[in-house]
Amino acid sequence: MNLLLDTHVVLWFITDNPKLPQNLKRIIEDESNTCFISMASLWEVGIKYSIGRLELQIKLEELFKIIEESGIQVLPISTEHILVNTTLAFIHQDPFDRLIIAQSISENLTLVSKDQYFSKYPVDLLSV
């Protein structure tokens, strides 16, 4: 299975946060699955960190290195993703989430998130 992990899912996974259900943790750890994090998520983390809305116990560079070492692949943003984004209904207003939705659709990836707005779009969704 090819999974696109929402920002909070990746943060919960790498910090072993109990908010991430064990069944989803096992799915992410399963080497037969390929897990991605959107470049939009890394951008979002950087912005939230810089304005004080995300507290980290480590430097941002270290967080990115941990994500990389976890085997989660970074999904770049392509022009195709932006084009798909322009076709989405404005149910969800968050630009980062809209781009993640567009990437999920464009790349045919199963989206993993707790965000209930995602279910209003034509995506395969694994809800947290």
Protein backbone atom coordinates (compact mmCIF):
# COMPACT_ATOMS: atom_id res chain seq x y z
CA MET A 1 0.00 0.00 0.00
CA ASN A 2 1.23 3.51 -0.80
CA LEU A 3 0.44 5.97 1.98
CA LEU A 4 0.57 9.75 2.23
CA LEU A 5 0.88 10.61 5.91
CA ASP A 6 -0.62 13.85 7.17
CA THR A 7 1.71 16.09 9.16
CA HIS A 8 0.39 15.13 12.59
CA VAL A 9 0.59 11.42 11.75
CA VAL A 10 4.30 11.70 10.97
CA LEU A 11 4.96 13.71 14.13
CA TRP A 12 3.05 11.16 16.22
CA PHE A 13 4.89 8.29 14.52
CA ILE A 14 8.42 9.57 15.04
CA THR A 15 7.71 10.63 18.65
CA ASP A 16 5.90 7.36 19.48
CA ASN A 17 2.87 9.40 20.56
CA PRO A 18 0.00 7.26 21.91
CA LYS A 19 -2.44 9.32 19.80
CA LEU A 20 -1.33 7.16 16.87
CA PRO A 21 -3.28 3.89 17.08
CA GLN A 22 -1.12 0.77 17.21
CA ASN A 23 -2.72 -0.68 14.07
CA LEU A 24 -1.71 2.41 12.07
CA LYS A 25 1.77 2.36 13.58
CA ARG A 26 2.15 -1.25 12.39
CA ILE A 27 0.93 -0.27 8.91
CA ILE A 28 3.50 2.55 8.72
CA GLU A 29 6.27 0.23 9.98
CA ASP A 30 5.33 -2.53 7.52
CA GLU A 31 8.11 -2.51 4.92
CA SER A 32 5.72 -3.76 2.25
CA ASN A 33 4.04 -0.32 2.44
CA THR A 34 5.63 2.83 1.05
CA CYS A 35 5.05 5.92 3.18
CA PHE A 36 5.33 9.51 2.02
CA ILE A 37 5.25 12.91 3.66
CA SER A 38 4.42 15.87 1.50
CA MET A 39 6.94 18.66 1.09
CA ALA A 40 3.92 20.80 2.04
CA SER A 41 3.93 19.13 5.46
CA LEU A 42 7.60 19.94 6.00
CA TRP A 43 6.89 23.51 4.92
CA GLU A 44 3.95 23.66 7.37
CA VAL A 45 6.13 22.33 10.21
CA GLY A 46 8.78 24.94 9.43
CA ILE A 47 6.28 27.78 9.48
CA LYS A 48 4.57 26.63 12.69
CA TYR A 49 7.96 26.14 14.35
CA SER A 50 9.19 29.59 13.32
CA ILE A 51 6.10 31.38 14.68
CA GLY A 52 6.01 29.40 17.91
CA ARG A 53 2.92 27.27 17.18
CA LEU A 54 4.94 24.04 17.24
CA GLU A 55 7.26 23.27 20.11
CA LEU A 56 10.00 20.73 19.48
CA GLN A 57 12.47 19.18 21.90
CA ILE A 58 15.02 19.09 19.08
CA LYS A 59 16.20 21.40 16.32
CA LEU A 60 14.13 21.49 13.14
CA GLU A 61 17.07 20.08 11.16
CA GLU A 62 17.19 17.09 13.51
CA LEU A 63 13.45 16.51 13.06
CA PHE A 64 13.85 16.43 9.28
CA LYS A 65 16.78 14.01 9.62
CA ILE A 66 14.73 11.69 11.86
CA ILE A 67 11.90 11.71 9.31
CA GLU A 68 14.38 10.86 6.55
CA GLU A 69 15.96 8.07 8.61
CA SER A 70 12.54 6.61 9.43
CA GLY A 71 12.15 5.55 5.81
CA ILE A 72 9.33 7.98 5.10
CA GLN A 73 9.91 9.44 1.65
CA VAL A 74 9.43 13.13 0.91
CA LEU A 75 6.91 13.73 -1.88
CA PRO A 76 7.88 16.85 -3.84
CA ILE A 77 5.23 19.29 -5.04
CA SER A 78 4.67 19.13 -8.79
CA THR A 79 2.75 21.30 -11.21
CA GLU A 80 0.28 18.39 -11.59
CA HIS A 81 -0.46 18.59 -7.85
CA ILE A 82 -1.12 22.32 -8.13
CA LEU A 83 -3.41 21.76 -11.13
CA VAL A 84 -5.42 19.11 -9.25
CA ASN A 85 -5.58 21.50 -6.28
CA THR A 86 -7.32 24.07 -8.48
CA THR A 87 -10.12 21.59 -9.20
CA LEU A 88 -10.93 20.85 -5.55
CA ALA A 89 -14.10 22.16 -3.96
CA PHE A 90 -13.43 24.69 -1.20
CA ILE A 91 -14.64 22.44 1.60
CA HIS A 92 -11.28 22.63 3.34
CA GLN A 93 -9.68 26.05 3.59
CA ASP A 94 -6.19 25.10 4.82
CA PRO A 95 -3.79 25.47 1.85
CA PHE A 96 -1.37 22.81 3.13
CA ASP A 97 -4.15 20.27 3.59
CA ARG A 98 -5.63 21.08 0.20
CA LEU A 99 -2.26 20.43 -1.42
CA ILE A 100 -1.92 17.13 0.48
CA ILE A 101 -5.38 16.13 -0.76
CA ALA A 102 -4.40 17.04 -4.34
CA GLN A 103 -1.20 14.99 -4.04
CA SER A 104 -3.15 12.02 -2.73
CA ILE A 105 -5.52 12.19 -5.68
CA SER A 106 -2.83 12.84 -8.28
CA GLU A 107 -0.47 10.12 -7.04
CA ASN A 108 -3.23 7.62 -6.11
CA LEU A 109 -2.02 7.44 -2.51
CA THR A 110 -4.04 6.44 0.54
CA LEU A 111 -4.20 9.43 2.86
CA VAL A 112 -3.68 8.83 6.60
CA SER A 113 -5.15 11.58 8.80
CA LYS A 114 -7.45 12.46 11.67
CA ASP A 115 -8.84 15.39 9.63
CA GLN A 116 -12.51 14.63 8.96
CA TYR A 117 -12.67 17.19 6.14
CA PHE A 118 -10.50 14.85 4.05
CA SER A 119 -13.38 12.37 3.77
CA LYS A 120 -15.35 14.96 1.81
CA TYR A 121 -12.89 14.61 -1.09
CA PRO A 122 -12.43 11.71 -3.53
CA VAL A 123 -9.47 10.18 -1.66
CA ASP A 124 -8.78 6.80 -0.12
CA LEU A 125 -8.59 7.63 3.57
CA LEU A 126 -7.29 5.77 6.59
CA SER A 127 -8.73 7.69 9.53
CA VAL A 128 -6.85 8.01 12.78
